[in-house]
Protein backbone atom coordinates (compact mmCIF):
# COMPACT_ATOMS: atom_id res chain seq x y z
CA MET A 1 40.56 -12.95 -17.02
CA LYS A 2 37.22 -13.66 -18.58
CA LYS A 3 35.57 -11.06 -20.70
CA LEU A 4 32.77 -9.46 -18.76
CA VAL A 5 29.41 -10.09 -20.31
CA LEU A 6 27.22 -7.02 -20.09
CA PHE A 7 23.56 -7.75 -19.65
CA LEU A 8 20.27 -5.98 -19.26
CA LEU A 9 17.59 -7.33 -16.98
CA ILE A 10 14.07 -6.69 -18.13
CA ALA A 11 11.87 -6.85 -15.07
CA CYS A 12 8.35 -7.33 -16.20
CA VAL A 13 5.84 -6.36 -13.62
CA SER A 14 2.27 -7.46 -13.51
CA VAL A 15 0.23 -5.00 -11.51
CA ALA A 16 -3.22 -5.59 -10.19
CA PHE A 17 -4.95 -2.65 -8.55
CA SER A 18 -7.13 -3.28 -5.57
CA ASP A 19 -10.67 -1.96 -5.51
CA GLU A 20 -10.37 1.39 -3.76
CA THR A 21 -13.25 3.33 -5.34
CA LEU A 22 -16.54 4.61 -3.98
CA PRO A 23 -19.58 4.47 -6.33
CA ALA A 24 -21.83 7.53 -6.18
CA TYR A 25 -25.55 7.69 -7.07
CA GLY A 26 -27.96 10.45 -8.03
CA MET A 27 -31.70 11.15 -8.00
CA LEU A 28 -34.10 10.29 -10.84
CA ASN A 29 -37.63 11.61 -10.62
CA LYS A 30 -37.06 12.40 -6.94
CA GLN A 31 -36.08 8.78 -6.32
CA LEU A 32 -32.58 7.45 -5.68
CA ASP A 33 -31.36 5.61 -8.79
CA GLU A 34 -29.44 2.60 -7.47
CA GLU A 35 -29.01 0.98 -10.89
CA ARG A 36 -26.81 3.58 -12.58
CA PRO A 37 -24.00 5.24 -10.57
CA VAL A 38 -23.20 8.78 -11.67
CA GLY A 39 -19.47 8.20 -11.09
CA GLU A 40 -16.77 6.86 -8.78
CA LEU A 41 -14.51 8.51 -6.22
CA THR A 42 -10.96 7.51 -5.32
CA LYS A 43 -8.95 7.94 -2.12
CA THR A 44 -7.39 11.12 -3.49
CA ASP A 45 -10.79 12.83 -3.97
CA TRP A 46 -12.19 15.21 -1.38
CA ILE A 47 -15.44 14.32 0.37
CA LYS A 48 -17.70 16.32 2.68
CA GLU A 49 -20.42 14.49 4.56
CA LEU A 50 -23.82 16.20 4.52
CA PRO A 51 -26.54 15.98 7.18
CA ILE A 52 -28.72 12.92 6.84
CA PRO A 53 -32.23 14.04 5.79
CA LYS A 54 -34.83 13.70 8.50
CA GLU A 55 -37.97 11.65 8.12
CA LYS A 56 -41.38 13.38 7.92
CA VAL A 57 -44.03 11.84 10.14
CA LYS A 58 -47.63 12.88 10.95
CA LYS A 59 -48.01 14.01 14.52
CA VAL A 60 -51.47 14.19 16.13
CA THR A 61 -52.13 16.36 19.16
CA TYR A 62 -55.24 17.49 21.02
CA VAL A 63 -55.69 21.01 22.27
CA ARG A 64 -58.28 22.35 24.69
CA GLU A 65 -60.31 25.28 23.44
CA LYS A 66 -63.30 27.26 24.68
CA VAL A 67 -66.36 27.19 22.38
CA GLN A 68 -69.86 28.68 22.59
CA VAL A 69 -72.78 26.40 23.36
CA LYS A 70 -75.39 26.21 20.60
CA ASP A 71 -78.80 24.69 20.44
CA LYS A 72 -80.07 22.25 17.85
CA LYS A 73 -80.84 25.08 15.48
CA GLY A 74 -77.32 26.45 15.78
CA ARG A 75 -78.27 29.41 17.88
CA VAL A 76 -75.97 30.54 20.68
CA VAL A 77 -77.34 29.64 24.09
CA LYS A 78 -77.23 32.44 26.65
CA ASP A 79 -77.27 32.38 30.40
CA LYS A 80 -79.65 34.34 32.73
CA LYS A 81 -77.52 37.41 32.38
CA GLY A 82 -77.67 37.27 28.62
CA LYS A 83 -74.09 36.21 28.14
CA PRO A 84 -73.22 33.36 25.71
CA LYS A 85 -72.61 30.06 27.43
CA THR A 86 -69.21 28.38 26.80
CA ARG A 87 -67.66 24.99 27.33
CA ILE A 88 -64.20 23.38 26.95
CA GLN A 89 -63.69 20.79 24.23
CA LYS A 90 -60.72 18.89 22.78
CA LYS A 91 -59.64 19.65 19.24
CA LYS A 92 -57.58 17.24 17.12
CA VAL A 93 -54.58 18.86 15.41
CA GLU A 94 -52.52 17.06 12.73
CA LYS A 95 -49.17 18.29 11.39
CA TRP A 96 -46.07 16.89 9.67
CA VAL A 97 -42.83 17.10 11.61
CA GLU A 98 -39.21 16.12 10.86
CA VAL A 99 -37.60 13.50 13.09
CA GLU A 100 -34.34 11.56 13.09
CA PRO A 101 -34.49 8.31 11.11
CA THR A 102 -35.57 5.38 13.24
CA GLU A 103 -33.04 3.08 11.47
CA PRO A 104 -29.63 3.86 9.93
CA PRO A 105 -30.19 4.67 6.24
CA ARG A 106 -28.60 2.55 3.48
CA PHE A 107 -27.58 5.68 1.57
CA VAL A 108 -26.18 8.96 2.88
CA PRO A 109 -25.57 12.27 1.08
CA ILE A 110 -22.12 13.76 0.44
CA ASP A 111 -20.65 16.70 -1.40
CA CYS A 112 -17.72 16.00 -3.73
CA LYS A 113 -16.32 16.75 -7.17
CA LEU A 114 -19.45 15.17 -8.66
CA GLY A 115 -21.70 17.57 -6.74
CA GLN A 116 -24.19 16.48 -4.12
CA VAL A 117 -24.60 12.73 -4.52
CA TRP A 118 -25.54 9.68 -2.50
CA VAL A 119 -23.32 6.77 -1.46
CA LYS A 120 -23.91 3.56 0.45
CA ARG A 121 -23.33 4.14 4.13
CA ALA A 122 -21.34 0.90 4.57
CA ASP A 123 -19.17 1.70 1.53
CA LEU A 124 -18.50 5.20 2.84
CA ALA A 125 -17.29 3.88 6.20
CA ARG A 126 -14.91 1.46 4.45
CA PHE A 127 -13.78 4.15 2.04
CA GLN A 128 -13.05 6.64 4.80
CA GLN A 129 -10.99 4.05 6.66
CA GLU A 130 -8.99 3.31 3.52
CA SER A 131 -8.52 7.02 2.87
CA LYS A 132 -6.71 7.37 6.19
CA ASP A 133 -4.30 4.58 5.23
CA LEU A 134 -1.20 6.01 3.55
CA SER A 135 0.03 2.60 2.38
CA GLY A 136 0.62 2.14 -1.30
CA GLU A 137 2.83 3.16 -4.20
CA TYR A 138 3.72 6.77 -4.98
CA ALA A 139 5.31 7.18 -8.41
CA SER A 140 7.37 9.65 -10.40
CA ALA A 141 8.47 9.49 -14.03
CA THR A 142 11.55 7.45 -13.10
CA GLY A 143 10.82 5.74 -9.80
CA SER A 144 8.53 4.97 -6.90
CA VAL A 145 8.15 5.00 -3.13
CA THR A 146 6.17 2.12 -1.62
CA LEU A 147 4.80 2.30 1.92
CA LYS A 148 3.59 -0.84 3.68
CA LYS A 149 1.91 -0.60 7.07
CA SER A 150 2.98 -2.93 9.84
CA PRO A 151 0.37 -5.65 10.48
CA THR A 152 0.91 -5.32 14.24
CA ASN A 153 1.25 -1.54 14.70
CA PRO A 154 -0.41 0.92 12.28
CA ARG A 155 2.03 3.67 13.26
CA TYR A 156 4.99 1.81 11.76
CA PHE A 157 5.82 1.31 8.09
CA SER A 158 8.32 -0.42 5.88
CA VAL A 159 9.43 1.75 2.97
CA VAL A 160 11.05 0.94 -0.38
CA ILE A 161 12.48 3.72 -2.56
CA GLN A 162 13.50 2.89 -6.13
CA ASN A 163 14.56 5.44 -8.73
CA GLY A 164 15.94 4.69 -12.18
CA PRO A 165 15.92 1.75 -14.59
CA PHE A 166 17.14 -1.66 -13.53
CA GLY A 167 20.93 -1.82 -13.51
CA GLU A 168 21.17 1.91 -12.85
CA ARG A 169 18.67 2.08 -10.03
CA SER A 170 19.13 3.97 -6.80
CA GLU A 171 17.21 1.96 -4.21
CA ILE A 172 16.89 1.27 -0.53
CA GLU A 173 14.58 -0.72 1.74
CA MET A 174 13.85 0.53 5.26
CA GLY A 175 11.81 -1.18 7.95
CA ASN A 176 10.01 -0.28 11.16
CA LEU A 177 9.81 3.49 10.55
CA GLU A 178 7.43 5.37 12.85
CA MET A 179 4.91 7.73 11.26
CA ARG A 180 4.66 11.15 12.91
CA GLU A 181 2.82 14.41 12.20
CA SER A 182 4.60 17.71 11.57
CA ASN A 183 3.03 20.89 10.16
CA GLY A 184 0.12 18.97 8.71
CA HIS A 185 2.39 16.48 6.96
CA ALA A 186 2.96 12.83 7.76
CA ARG A 187 6.69 12.15 8.09
CA LEU A 188 9.02 9.18 8.24
CA SER A 189 12.73 9.35 9.02
CA TYR A 190 15.59 6.91 8.54
CA GLN A 191 19.21 7.15 9.63
CA GLU A 192 22.30 5.02 9.23
CA GLU A 193 25.98 5.85 9.11
CA GLY A 194 26.54 8.43 6.40
CA CYS A 195 22.88 8.57 5.36
CA ASN A 196 19.79 10.44 6.55
CA ILE A 197 16.46 10.20 4.74
CA ASP A 198 13.32 12.25 5.42
CA ILE A 199 10.01 11.31 3.79
CA ALA A 200 7.06 13.71 3.81
CA ILE A 201 3.54 12.69 2.73
CA TYR A 202 0.90 15.32 2.01
CA ASN A 203 -2.25 15.15 -0.10
CA ARG A 204 -1.26 11.71 -1.47
CA GLN A 205 2.11 12.97 -2.67
CA VAL A 206 5.56 12.02 -1.38
CA LYS A 207 8.71 14.11 -1.18
CA VAL A 208 12.02 12.47 -0.26
CA ALA A 209 15.04 14.41 1.01
CA GLN A 210 18.43 12.83 1.60
CA ARG A 211 21.59 13.96 3.35
CA GLY A 212 24.60 11.93 2.38
CA CYS A 213 23.56 8.43 1.20
CA TYR A 214 26.16 8.67 -1.60
CA ASP A 215 26.61 4.90 -1.68
CA TYR A 216 23.02 4.58 -2.84
CA ASN A 217 23.38 7.06 -5.71
CA ILE A 218 23.69 5.26 -9.04
CA GLY A 219 24.78 7.51 -11.90
CA GLN A 220 22.34 10.40 -12.21
CA TYR A 221 19.73 8.71 -10.04
CA LYS A 222 19.27 9.46 -6.34
CA LEU A 223 16.75 8.51 -3.70
CA GLU A 224 15.56 12.08 -3.21
CA GLY A 225 12.87 13.68 -5.31
CA GLU A 226 9.13 14.14 -5.62
CA TYR A 227 6.80 11.21 -6.20
CA PRO A 228 3.47 12.92 -6.96
CA THR A 229 1.30 10.14 -8.40
CA TYR A 230 -0.50 7.87 -5.97
CA LYS A 231 -1.17 4.45 -7.48
CA GLY A 232 -2.70 2.75 -4.48
CA ASN A 233 -1.88 -0.70 -3.20
CA THR A 234 -0.50 -2.73 -6.07
CA ARG A 235 0.51 -6.33 -6.42
CA LYS A 236 3.72 -6.95 -8.35
CA VAL A 237 4.91 -10.24 -9.76
CA ASP A 238 8.57 -10.37 -10.76
CA THR A 239 9.81 -12.20 -13.83
CA PHE A 240 13.45 -13.02 -14.40
CA ASN A 241 14.40 -12.47 -18.04
CA MET A 242 18.22 -12.37 -17.93
CA PRO A 243 20.92 -13.69 -20.24
CA GLU A 244 22.57 -16.92 -19.12
CA GLN A 245 26.12 -16.56 -17.77
CA SER A 246 28.47 -19.25 -16.43
CA PHE A 247 31.60 -18.99 -14.28
CA VAL A 248 33.99 -21.76 -13.20
CA TYR A 249 35.71 -21.86 -9.80
CA LYS A 250 38.43 -24.23 -8.58
CA TYR A 251 37.98 -23.19 -4.95
CA TYR A 252 35.25 -21.56 -2.91
CA LYS A 253 34.74 -20.43 0.69
CA TRP A 254 32.37 -22.23 3.03
CA CYS A 255 31.21 -20.20 6.03
CA ASP A 256 29.34 -22.17 8.69
CA SER A 257 28.48 -19.16 10.86
CA GLY A 258 29.16 -15.74 9.34
CA PHE A 259 32.27 -14.31 7.70
CA ASP A 260 34.52 -15.10 10.67
CA SER A 261 34.05 -18.83 10.10
CA CYS A 262 34.93 -18.90 6.37
CA LYS A 263 37.33 -21.59 5.17
CA GLU A 264 38.57 -22.26 1.66
CA GLU A 265 37.22 -25.50 0.26
CA LYS A 266 37.60 -27.60 -2.89
CA ASP A 267 34.60 -29.60 -4.06
CA GLU A 268 35.32 -33.32 -4.04
CA ASN A 269 33.67 -33.61 -7.47
CA GLY A 270 36.06 -31.13 -9.09
CA LYS A 271 35.62 -27.59 -10.34
CA VAL A 272 32.34 -25.79 -9.56
CA THR A 273 30.37 -24.11 -12.34
CA ILE A 274 27.86 -21.44 -11.31
CA THR A 275 25.31 -20.60 -14.01
CA TRP A 276 23.36 -17.40 -13.51
CA SER A 277 19.89 -17.37 -15.12
CA LYS A 278 20.00 -20.89 -16.54
CA GLY A 279 18.07 -20.90 -19.80
CA GLY A 280 17.53 -17.14 -19.49
CA ASN A 281 14.74 -17.50 -16.94
CA GLY A 282 16.43 -16.70 -13.64
CA PHE A 283 17.24 -20.19 -12.36
CA ILE A 284 20.67 -20.55 -10.72
CA GLU A 285 22.62 -23.76 -11.10
CA ARG A 286 25.60 -25.05 -9.11
CA ALA A 287 27.28 -27.97 -10.84
CA ALA A 288 30.35 -30.00 -9.81
CA GLY A 289 30.97 -33.16 -11.78
CA GLU A 290 27.67 -35.02 -11.98
CA GLU A 291 26.24 -33.31 -8.89
CA VAL A 292 23.89 -30.49 -9.83
CA HIS A 293 21.85 -28.23 -7.53
CA THR A 294 19.20 -25.96 -9.04
CA TYR A 295 17.69 -22.91 -7.36
CA ARG A 296 14.34 -21.53 -8.46
CA PRO A 297 14.00 -17.68 -8.37
CA PHE A 298 11.28 -16.34 -6.08
CA GLU A 299 11.73 -12.57 -5.79
CA TYR A 300 14.25 -9.76 -6.14
CA VAL A 301 15.78 -8.43 -2.93
CA ILE A 302 17.10 -4.89 -2.49
CA PRO A 303 20.71 -5.05 -1.21
CA HIS A 304 22.00 -2.98 1.67
CA LYS A 305 25.18 -1.01 1.17
CA ARG A 306 26.97 -3.48 3.47
CA ASP A 307 26.41 -6.03 0.70
CA PHE A 308 28.41 -3.98 -1.82
CA TYR A 309 31.76 -5.44 -2.88
CA LYS A 310 34.51 -2.93 -3.67
CA GLY A 311 31.83 -0.40 -4.51
CA GLU A 312 29.86 -2.76 -6.75
CA LYS A 313 26.17 -3.20 -6.02
CA PRO A 314 25.06 -6.83 -6.38
CA MET A 315 22.02 -8.39 -8.00
CA VAL A 316 20.15 -10.30 -5.26
CA ILE A 317 17.51 -12.98 -5.76
CA LYS A 318 15.73 -15.03 -3.13
CA THR A 319 15.65 -18.64 -4.32
CA LYS A 320 14.47 -22.09 -3.28
CA ARG A 321 16.53 -25.19 -3.88
CA THR A 322 14.39 -27.43 -6.05
CA ASP A 323 15.39 -30.83 -4.68
CA ILE A 324 15.12 -30.10 -0.93
CA SER A 325 12.04 -28.85 0.89
CA GLY A 326 12.48 -25.65 2.89
CA GLU A 327 15.92 -24.74 1.50
CA TRP A 328 15.73 -20.98 0.89
CA TRP A 329 18.86 -19.08 -0.16
CA LEU A 330 19.80 -15.55 -1.19
CA TRP A 331 22.09 -15.40 -4.21
CA TYR A 332 24.26 -12.28 -4.60
CA PHE A 333 25.82 -11.76 -8.05
CA TYR A 334 28.59 -9.22 -8.71
CA PRO A 335 29.04 -9.28 -12.51
CA LYS A 336 32.07 -6.96 -12.65
CA ALA A 337 33.93 -8.92 -10.00
CA GLU A 338 32.63 -12.26 -11.35
CA ARG A 339 31.71 -13.08 -7.78
CA PHE A 340 28.83 -14.95 -6.15
CA ARG A 341 27.68 -15.21 -2.56
CA MET A 342 24.99 -17.66 -1.47
CA VAL A 343 23.50 -16.95 1.98
CA ARG A 344 20.91 -19.00 3.84
CA ALA A 345 17.73 -16.91 4.02
CA GLY A 346 16.19 -15.95 7.34
CA MET A 347 19.46 -15.82 9.31
CA ARG A 348 21.40 -12.85 10.65
CA GLU A 349 24.41 -12.21 8.47
CA ASP A 350 26.88 -12.51 11.35
CA ILE A 351 25.77 -16.11 11.96
CA ALA A 352 24.42 -17.12 8.55
CA GLN A 353 25.70 -20.06 6.57
CA MET A 354 27.09 -19.03 3.20
CA GLU A 355 29.23 -19.97 0.24
CA ILE A 356 31.44 -17.45 -1.58
CA TYR A 357 32.75 -17.91 -5.13
CA GLU A 358 35.33 -15.44 -6.41
């Protein structure tokens, strides 16, 4: 029995935040200062739209009024009865009135934490649309919940919950969850055998409750908890800094279509050596004699509990075989059991091609 090599994976994450702010502008000498914003608002800030100021225009009207007739010397002319003569004349009246703007304004007023400010109308429309989108990462001190909206149906989300450091992380990935409203909260629910998860989103904060789900608990870390810090939509790039480990196998199982088709095989080139993280950079190598296949790491994959082996949670990496175009494989590594499983990506597990080394 080989001595188990304990290792720590340091997953470096490069995060780039998308632009989700709204610049706000103020007045300078009664004129809107477009050059120097007074601040920026984020999706978590409250905003109240104010009425758009009306335009002042000069309106000219003519009124009919009765006036006395005067002679050239300005004396009132009287009729035979001695009464002043009168006539009707038009009088021009000018006044300023407020009307709705004839064209949509570039800037509109709002009330917010910065006070009463002005924002670009087009930016406000975009910002309000983004504010309704609950997608993004919600973080706690030890973990995160990431919501990703379906590109085909905005009511459905995929959700990833991760809590704890790598190697001790409680995590699960759930897809096609329908968003619903309940008591002013947005809610998502997930259920599988022995596990129920309820996710509530309110005021850009997430609370996760779990019933059961013991297989996903790792040490002191669970899926449930509060994730109060909204980080927006982030882009993460995985790196694969892991110690190199090699294991030798005389036999392996080849499965042409799921587990039911597995047969024990012996490589014609001799014993097979599987090297995990070749050179410490995440590459996986399968070598038998002079025949060597190398798999380049692409991304980490969160395993389902059906992928556990005798209670051990595997490390899973999606890889691409370097010498063949379009060859994508998932590598499952069980360090305690010294076991590997290589599964063709994109296929249902009950019909997927795979190789098992144990």
